N, C-alpha and C. Protein backbone atom coordinates (compact mmCIF):
# COMPACT_ATOMS: atom_id res chain seq x y z
N MET A 1 -51.00 -10.34 -39.24
CA MET A 1 -50.27 -11.58 -39.08
C MET A 1 -51.12 -12.72 -39.64
N ILE A 2 -50.49 -13.58 -40.41
CA ILE A 2 -51.16 -14.72 -41.02
C ILE A 2 -50.88 -15.95 -40.17
N GLU A 3 -51.94 -16.71 -39.87
CA GLU A 3 -51.80 -17.91 -39.06
C GLU A 3 -51.94 -19.14 -39.94
N ILE A 4 -50.97 -20.03 -39.82
CA ILE A 4 -50.95 -21.28 -40.58
C ILE A 4 -50.90 -22.43 -39.57
N LYS A 5 -51.72 -23.46 -39.82
CA LYS A 5 -51.73 -24.61 -38.91
C LYS A 5 -50.46 -25.43 -39.06
N VAL A 6 -49.97 -25.91 -37.92
CA VAL A 6 -48.78 -26.75 -37.89
C VAL A 6 -49.14 -28.14 -38.43
N GLY A 7 -48.24 -28.73 -39.20
CA GLY A 7 -48.45 -30.07 -39.72
C GLY A 7 -49.12 -30.11 -41.08
N THR A 8 -49.42 -28.96 -41.66
CA THR A 8 -50.07 -28.93 -42.97
C THR A 8 -49.01 -28.83 -44.07
N MET A 9 -49.46 -29.06 -45.29
CA MET A 9 -48.57 -28.92 -46.44
C MET A 9 -48.13 -27.47 -46.60
N GLU A 10 -49.04 -26.54 -46.29
CA GLU A 10 -48.71 -25.12 -46.37
C GLU A 10 -47.53 -24.78 -45.46
N GLU A 11 -47.54 -25.33 -44.25
CA GLU A 11 -46.44 -25.07 -43.31
C GLU A 11 -45.11 -25.56 -43.87
N ARG A 12 -45.11 -26.76 -44.41
CA ARG A 12 -43.88 -27.33 -44.94
C ARG A 12 -43.34 -26.51 -46.11
N ILE A 13 -44.24 -26.07 -46.99
CA ILE A 13 -43.82 -25.27 -48.14
C ILE A 13 -43.28 -23.92 -47.68
N ILE A 14 -43.97 -23.27 -46.75
CA ILE A 14 -43.53 -21.95 -46.26
C ILE A 14 -42.17 -22.04 -45.59
N LYS A 15 -41.95 -23.08 -44.81
CA LYS A 15 -40.64 -23.22 -44.14
C LYS A 15 -39.52 -23.42 -45.15
N ILE A 16 -39.79 -24.13 -46.22
CA ILE A 16 -38.78 -24.30 -47.28
C ILE A 16 -38.52 -22.97 -47.96
N LEU A 17 -39.60 -22.22 -48.23
CA LEU A 17 -39.45 -20.92 -48.89
C LEU A 17 -38.72 -19.92 -48.00
N GLN A 18 -38.87 -20.04 -46.69
CA GLN A 18 -38.15 -19.15 -45.78
C GLN A 18 -36.65 -19.42 -45.80
N GLU A 19 -36.28 -20.67 -46.04
CA GLU A 19 -34.87 -21.04 -46.02
C GLU A 19 -34.17 -20.81 -47.36
N LYS A 20 -34.88 -21.06 -48.46
CA LYS A 20 -34.21 -21.06 -49.77
C LYS A 20 -34.89 -20.13 -50.76
N TYR A 21 -34.10 -19.40 -51.48
CA TYR A 21 -34.55 -18.63 -52.64
C TYR A 21 -33.36 -18.43 -53.54
N PRO A 22 -33.41 -18.61 -54.77
CA PRO A 22 -34.54 -19.05 -55.60
C PRO A 22 -34.74 -20.55 -55.51
N ILE A 23 -35.99 -20.95 -55.61
CA ILE A 23 -36.33 -22.37 -55.59
C ILE A 23 -37.51 -22.59 -56.55
N THR A 24 -37.47 -23.72 -57.23
CA THR A 24 -38.53 -24.04 -58.19
C THR A 24 -39.55 -24.97 -57.56
N ILE A 25 -40.69 -25.11 -58.24
CA ILE A 25 -41.72 -26.02 -57.77
C ILE A 25 -41.19 -27.45 -57.76
N LYS A 26 -40.39 -27.78 -58.76
CA LYS A 26 -39.80 -29.13 -58.85
C LYS A 26 -38.91 -29.42 -57.65
N GLU A 27 -38.09 -28.45 -57.25
CA GLU A 27 -37.19 -28.64 -56.10
C GLU A 27 -37.97 -28.77 -54.79
N ILE A 28 -39.06 -28.01 -54.65
CA ILE A 28 -39.91 -28.13 -53.46
C ILE A 28 -40.53 -29.51 -53.40
N ALA A 29 -41.04 -29.98 -54.54
CA ALA A 29 -41.66 -31.30 -54.61
C ALA A 29 -40.68 -32.40 -54.26
N GLU A 30 -39.44 -32.28 -54.73
CA GLU A 30 -38.42 -33.28 -54.42
C GLU A 30 -38.06 -33.26 -52.95
N GLU A 31 -37.98 -32.07 -52.36
CA GLU A 31 -37.60 -31.97 -50.95
C GLU A 31 -38.68 -32.52 -50.03
N ILE A 32 -39.94 -32.27 -50.37
CA ILE A 32 -41.04 -32.76 -49.53
C ILE A 32 -41.37 -34.21 -49.87
N GLY A 33 -41.18 -34.60 -51.11
CA GLY A 33 -41.48 -35.97 -51.52
C GLY A 33 -42.92 -36.14 -51.97
N VAL A 34 -43.46 -35.10 -52.60
CA VAL A 34 -44.85 -35.11 -53.07
C VAL A 34 -44.84 -34.75 -54.56
N ALA A 35 -45.90 -35.12 -55.25
CA ALA A 35 -46.01 -34.84 -56.68
C ALA A 35 -46.04 -33.34 -56.95
N ARG A 36 -45.47 -32.94 -58.10
CA ARG A 36 -45.41 -31.52 -58.48
C ARG A 36 -46.79 -30.88 -58.57
N GLU A 37 -47.76 -31.63 -59.06
CA GLU A 37 -49.10 -31.09 -59.23
C GLU A 37 -49.70 -30.68 -57.89
N LYS A 38 -49.48 -31.52 -56.88
CA LYS A 38 -50.02 -31.21 -55.54
C LYS A 38 -49.34 -29.96 -54.96
N ILE A 39 -48.03 -29.84 -55.16
CA ILE A 39 -47.30 -28.66 -54.69
C ILE A 39 -47.81 -27.42 -55.42
N LYS A 40 -48.04 -27.55 -56.72
CA LYS A 40 -48.52 -26.42 -57.50
C LYS A 40 -49.88 -25.94 -57.00
N VAL A 41 -50.78 -26.87 -56.67
CA VAL A 41 -52.09 -26.51 -56.13
C VAL A 41 -51.94 -25.78 -54.80
N GLU A 42 -51.05 -26.27 -53.93
CA GLU A 42 -50.84 -25.63 -52.63
C GLU A 42 -50.24 -24.23 -52.79
N ILE A 43 -49.34 -24.08 -53.75
CA ILE A 43 -48.73 -22.76 -53.97
C ILE A 43 -49.76 -21.78 -54.54
N ILE A 44 -50.65 -22.27 -55.37
CA ILE A 44 -51.73 -21.40 -55.88
C ILE A 44 -52.62 -20.94 -54.72
N LYS A 45 -52.89 -21.84 -53.76
CA LYS A 45 -53.66 -21.45 -52.57
C LYS A 45 -52.92 -20.36 -51.79
N LEU A 46 -51.60 -20.54 -51.64
CA LEU A 46 -50.79 -19.54 -50.93
C LEU A 46 -50.78 -18.22 -51.69
N GLN A 47 -50.79 -18.31 -53.01
CA GLN A 47 -50.81 -17.11 -53.84
C GLN A 47 -52.13 -16.35 -53.67
N LYS A 48 -53.24 -17.08 -53.57
CA LYS A 48 -54.54 -16.45 -53.38
C LYS A 48 -54.64 -15.78 -52.01
N LYS A 49 -53.95 -16.36 -51.00
CA LYS A 49 -53.94 -15.76 -49.66
C LYS A 49 -52.99 -14.57 -49.58
N GLY A 50 -52.15 -14.39 -50.60
CA GLY A 50 -51.21 -13.28 -50.61
C GLY A 50 -49.93 -13.56 -49.85
N ILE A 51 -49.59 -14.84 -49.70
CA ILE A 51 -48.39 -15.22 -48.95
C ILE A 51 -47.21 -15.44 -49.89
N ALA A 52 -47.44 -16.10 -51.01
CA ALA A 52 -46.37 -16.44 -51.94
C ALA A 52 -46.71 -15.92 -53.33
N ASP A 53 -45.68 -15.89 -54.19
CA ASP A 53 -45.88 -15.47 -55.57
C ASP A 53 -45.07 -16.39 -56.48
N ILE A 54 -45.53 -16.52 -57.70
CA ILE A 54 -44.87 -17.38 -58.68
C ILE A 54 -44.25 -16.49 -59.76
N ASP A 55 -42.97 -16.70 -60.03
CA ASP A 55 -42.27 -16.00 -61.11
C ASP A 55 -42.08 -16.98 -62.26
N ILE A 56 -42.80 -16.76 -63.34
CA ILE A 56 -42.73 -17.67 -64.48
C ILE A 56 -41.72 -17.12 -65.47
N LEU A 57 -40.67 -17.90 -65.70
CA LEU A 57 -39.64 -17.58 -66.68
C LEU A 57 -39.76 -18.56 -67.83
N PRO A 58 -39.10 -18.31 -68.95
CA PRO A 58 -39.24 -19.22 -70.10
C PRO A 58 -38.83 -20.67 -69.81
N ASP A 59 -37.81 -20.87 -68.97
CA ASP A 59 -37.34 -22.23 -68.74
C ASP A 59 -37.69 -22.78 -67.36
N LYS A 60 -37.95 -21.92 -66.36
CA LYS A 60 -38.24 -22.38 -65.00
C LYS A 60 -39.33 -21.53 -64.37
N THR A 61 -39.93 -22.08 -63.33
CA THR A 61 -40.93 -21.36 -62.55
C THR A 61 -40.44 -21.28 -61.11
N PHE A 62 -40.17 -20.07 -60.64
CA PHE A 62 -39.67 -19.87 -59.28
C PHE A 62 -40.79 -19.44 -58.36
N VAL A 63 -40.64 -19.79 -57.09
CA VAL A 63 -41.62 -19.42 -56.07
C VAL A 63 -40.89 -18.62 -55.00
N HIS A 64 -41.54 -17.57 -54.50
CA HIS A 64 -40.95 -16.81 -53.39
C HIS A 64 -42.04 -16.27 -52.49
N LEU A 65 -41.67 -15.99 -51.24
CA LEU A 65 -42.61 -15.45 -50.27
C LEU A 65 -42.79 -13.95 -50.48
N ILE A 66 -44.02 -13.48 -50.28
CA ILE A 66 -44.31 -12.05 -50.34
C ILE A 66 -44.37 -11.50 -48.92
N ARG A 67 -45.02 -12.27 -48.05
CA ARG A 67 -45.18 -11.82 -46.66
C ARG A 67 -44.35 -12.70 -45.74
N PHE A 68 -43.81 -12.05 -44.70
CA PHE A 68 -42.98 -12.78 -43.76
C PHE A 68 -43.56 -12.74 -42.35
N ASP A 69 -44.76 -12.17 -42.18
CA ASP A 69 -45.39 -12.11 -40.87
C ASP A 69 -46.33 -13.31 -40.70
N ILE A 70 -45.72 -14.49 -40.64
CA ILE A 70 -46.46 -15.75 -40.57
C ILE A 70 -46.25 -16.36 -39.19
N ARG A 71 -47.34 -16.82 -38.60
CA ARG A 71 -47.26 -17.47 -37.29
C ARG A 71 -47.86 -18.86 -37.44
N PHE A 72 -47.14 -19.84 -36.94
CA PHE A 72 -47.60 -21.23 -37.01
C PHE A 72 -48.32 -21.56 -35.71
N ILE A 73 -49.57 -22.03 -35.84
CA ILE A 73 -50.38 -22.31 -34.66
C ILE A 73 -50.70 -23.80 -34.59
N GLY A 74 -51.00 -24.26 -33.39
CA GLY A 74 -51.37 -25.66 -33.19
C GLY A 74 -50.24 -26.40 -32.50
N ARG A 75 -50.54 -27.63 -32.19
CA ARG A 75 -49.55 -28.48 -31.52
C ARG A 75 -48.72 -29.22 -32.56
N ARG A 76 -47.47 -29.34 -32.29
CA ARG A 76 -46.59 -30.10 -33.18
C ARG A 76 -46.76 -31.57 -32.87
N ASN A 77 -47.04 -32.35 -33.89
CA ASN A 77 -47.18 -33.79 -33.74
C ASN A 77 -45.85 -34.46 -33.93
N GLN A 78 -45.72 -35.60 -33.32
CA GLN A 78 -44.49 -36.35 -33.46
C GLN A 78 -44.58 -37.15 -34.75
N TYR A 79 -43.62 -36.95 -35.63
CA TYR A 79 -43.67 -37.59 -36.94
C TYR A 79 -43.17 -39.04 -36.91
N LYS A 80 -42.18 -39.30 -36.08
CA LYS A 80 -41.60 -40.64 -36.04
C LYS A 80 -42.13 -41.40 -34.82
N PHE A 81 -42.29 -42.69 -34.99
CA PHE A 81 -42.72 -43.54 -33.90
C PHE A 81 -41.53 -43.84 -33.01
N ILE A 82 -41.70 -43.68 -31.73
CA ILE A 82 -40.63 -43.97 -30.78
C ILE A 82 -40.81 -45.40 -30.29
N LYS A 83 -39.77 -46.16 -30.41
CA LYS A 83 -39.81 -47.55 -30.00
C LYS A 83 -39.51 -47.63 -28.51
N LYS A 84 -40.36 -48.30 -27.77
CA LYS A 84 -40.14 -48.45 -26.33
C LYS A 84 -39.17 -49.60 -26.08
N LYS A 85 -38.36 -49.40 -25.08
CA LYS A 85 -37.41 -50.46 -24.72
C LYS A 85 -38.13 -51.55 -23.95
N LYS A 86 -37.76 -52.78 -24.24
CA LYS A 86 -38.34 -53.91 -23.53
C LYS A 86 -37.59 -54.09 -22.21
N ARG A 87 -38.33 -54.44 -21.20
CA ARG A 87 -37.70 -54.69 -19.90
C ARG A 87 -37.00 -56.04 -19.92
N LYS A 88 -35.86 -56.08 -19.31
CA LYS A 88 -35.14 -57.34 -19.18
C LYS A 88 -35.45 -57.92 -17.80
N ILE A 89 -35.76 -59.22 -17.77
CA ILE A 89 -36.04 -59.89 -16.51
C ILE A 89 -34.71 -60.20 -15.85
N LYS A 90 -34.63 -59.87 -14.59
CA LYS A 90 -33.39 -60.11 -13.86
C LYS A 90 -33.14 -61.61 -13.78
N GLU A 91 -31.89 -61.99 -14.00
CA GLU A 91 -31.54 -63.41 -13.97
C GLU A 91 -31.63 -63.97 -12.56
N SER A 92 -31.44 -63.14 -11.56
CA SER A 92 -31.50 -63.63 -10.18
C SER A 92 -32.91 -64.12 -9.84
N ASN A 93 -33.94 -63.53 -10.39
CA ASN A 93 -35.31 -63.98 -10.15
C ASN A 93 -35.56 -65.33 -10.81
N LYS A 94 -34.97 -65.57 -11.97
CA LYS A 94 -35.15 -66.83 -12.67
C LYS A 94 -34.51 -67.98 -11.89
N GLU A 95 -33.32 -67.76 -11.37
CA GLU A 95 -32.58 -68.82 -10.67
C GLU A 95 -33.24 -69.20 -9.36
N ASN A 96 -33.82 -68.27 -8.64
CA ASN A 96 -34.44 -68.53 -7.35
C ASN A 96 -35.80 -69.21 -7.46
N ASN A 97 -36.40 -69.16 -8.61
CA ASN A 97 -37.74 -69.71 -8.81
C ASN A 97 -37.62 -71.11 -9.41
N ASP A 98 -37.51 -72.15 -8.54
CA ASP A 98 -37.37 -73.54 -8.98
C ASP A 98 -38.64 -74.34 -8.75
N ASP A 99 -39.79 -73.68 -8.79
CA ASP A 99 -41.06 -74.37 -8.57
C ASP A 99 -41.38 -75.28 -9.75
N ILE A 100 -42.07 -76.36 -9.42
CA ILE A 100 -42.52 -77.27 -10.46
C ILE A 100 -43.81 -76.72 -11.02
N MET A 101 -43.89 -76.71 -12.35
CA MET A 101 -45.04 -76.09 -13.00
C MET A 101 -46.32 -76.87 -12.72
N TYR A 102 -46.30 -78.17 -12.87
CA TYR A 102 -47.47 -79.01 -12.62
C TYR A 102 -47.14 -79.96 -11.48
N GLY A 103 -47.98 -79.98 -10.48
CA GLY A 103 -47.64 -80.77 -9.32
C GLY A 103 -48.43 -81.95 -9.05
């Protein structure tokens, strides 16, 4: 079993490859929103680990998974910032407080 850390570029690429085939390096780069060169470097790393393979055709380059016994380890981080709600001051407290600020 191959262990991949959660939140890495490798994880994102592997999850895309698990969902779609055939897919090109260009399509992976567009889906993740990263430059093609960076995706190509990551796929070469996956190829060296024996996880993915590259099929080079005259007009396109396809990527596919070789191994499917992949386990994602680590804690999942929250990607989006959650906005906290602001508390509203009760109007009844404002009306009852008629103190003079400076006396």
